[in-house]
Amino acid sequence: MLKFLLYLFIFYYCIKLLIRFLAPFLFKSMVSKLQKNMNKKHNKTEFKKHNEGDTEVSYKKDKNIDPGGEYVDFEDLNDE
C-alpha cells in the first residue's frame, strides 16, 4: 500500500511538472492558430464575381449606400 501511494505521489508531481513546462508552448500554438484564423477572415476579400458570357464583373458591395430616404405615407387631399 505504501508503495502504491509513493508511485501515485511521483506520478502526480511528474504530470504537474510536465504541464508546467508544456502549457506555455501549447498556449502559444493555440494563440498563433487563432491569430492566423482571424487574419484569414479579416483579409478575405468581399468581392463577388459573376461570369456573364466572356465578361467578368467584380464588385464590392457597399453597405453605406443611402437607399433613398425614409418612406413617407401621405394622403391625397382634394380641395373640393
Protein backbone atom coordinates (compact mmCIF):
# COMPACT_ATOMS: atom_id res chain seq x y z
CA MET A 1 0.00 0.00 0.00
CA LEU A 2 2.82 2.38 0.84
CA LYS A 3 4.49 1.58 -2.47
CA PHE A 4 1.28 2.44 -4.36
CA LEU A 5 0.99 5.80 -2.61
CA LEU A 6 4.62 6.56 -3.38
CA TYR A 7 4.09 5.79 -7.09
CA LEU A 8 0.92 7.87 -7.11
CA PHE A 9 2.75 10.77 -5.47
CA ILE A 10 5.62 10.56 -8.01
CA PHE A 11 3.22 10.24 -10.93
CA TYR A 12 1.24 13.29 -9.74
CA TYR A 13 4.32 15.50 -9.46
CA CYS A 14 5.71 14.32 -12.81
CA ILE A 15 2.45 15.23 -14.53
CA LYS A 16 2.36 18.56 -12.71
CA LEU A 17 5.94 19.30 -13.80
CA LEU A 18 5.25 18.33 -17.42
CA ILE A 19 2.16 20.53 -17.55
CA ARG A 20 4.13 23.44 -16.12
CA PHE A 21 6.69 23.19 -18.94
CA LEU A 22 4.39 22.19 -21.79
CA ALA A 23 1.48 24.57 -21.11
CA PRO A 24 3.23 27.73 -22.43
CA PHE A 25 4.11 26.02 -25.71
CA LEU A 26 0.59 24.67 -26.15
CA PHE A 27 -0.87 28.06 -25.29
CA LYS A 28 1.40 29.84 -27.80
CA SER A 29 0.45 27.41 -30.55
CA MET A 30 -3.26 27.88 -29.84
CA VAL A 31 -2.91 31.67 -29.85
CA SER A 32 -0.97 31.64 -33.12
CA LYS A 33 -3.64 29.41 -34.72
CA LEU A 34 -6.37 31.77 -33.59
CA GLN A 35 -4.44 34.77 -34.94
CA LYS A 36 -3.99 33.09 -38.31
CA ASN A 37 -7.70 32.32 -38.50
CA MET A 38 -8.61 35.88 -37.57
CA ASN A 39 -6.18 37.27 -40.17
CA LYS A 40 -7.67 34.99 -42.83
CA LYS A 41 -11.16 36.23 -42.03
CA HIS A 42 -10.01 39.85 -41.89
CA ASN A 43 -8.03 39.74 -45.15
CA LYS A 44 -10.73 37.87 -47.02
CA THR A 45 -11.86 39.97 -49.96
CA GLU A 46 -15.52 40.85 -50.10
CA PHE A 47 -15.62 40.88 -53.89
CA LYS A 48 -18.29 38.85 -55.56
CA LYS A 49 -17.59 37.57 -59.06
CA HIS A 50 -20.21 36.93 -61.67
CA ASN A 51 -19.40 35.46 -65.05
CA GLU A 52 -21.73 36.56 -67.81
CA GLY A 53 -20.58 35.21 -71.14
CA ASP A 54 -16.93 36.21 -71.61
CA THR A 55 -17.20 39.25 -69.36
CA GLU A 56 -16.30 39.02 -65.69
CA VAL A 57 -17.83 41.59 -63.38
CA SER A 58 -16.20 42.12 -59.97
CA TYR A 59 -17.63 44.48 -57.44
CA LYS A 60 -17.53 45.16 -53.75
CA LYS A 61 -20.86 45.52 -52.02
CA ASP A 62 -21.04 48.91 -50.30
CA LYS A 63 -23.05 48.83 -47.09
CA ASN A 64 -23.10 52.64 -46.71
CA ILE A 65 -25.31 53.35 -49.72
CA ASP A 66 -28.33 55.51 -48.89
CA PRO A 67 -31.46 53.66 -50.05
CA GLY A 68 -33.19 56.93 -50.93
CA GLY A 69 -34.52 58.35 -47.69
CA GLU A 70 -37.42 57.45 -45.49
CA TYR A 71 -40.81 56.23 -46.63
CA VAL A 72 -43.43 58.92 -46.11
CA ASP A 73 -47.08 57.90 -46.20
CA PHE A 74 -49.37 60.71 -47.30
CA GLU A 75 -52.97 61.20 -48.34
CA ASP A 76 -54.03 62.99 -51.49
CA LEU A 77 -56.35 65.79 -50.41
CA ASN A 78 -58.83 67.28 -52.84
CA ASP A 79 -59.59 70.98 -52.48
CA GLU A 80 -63.22 70.47 -53.44
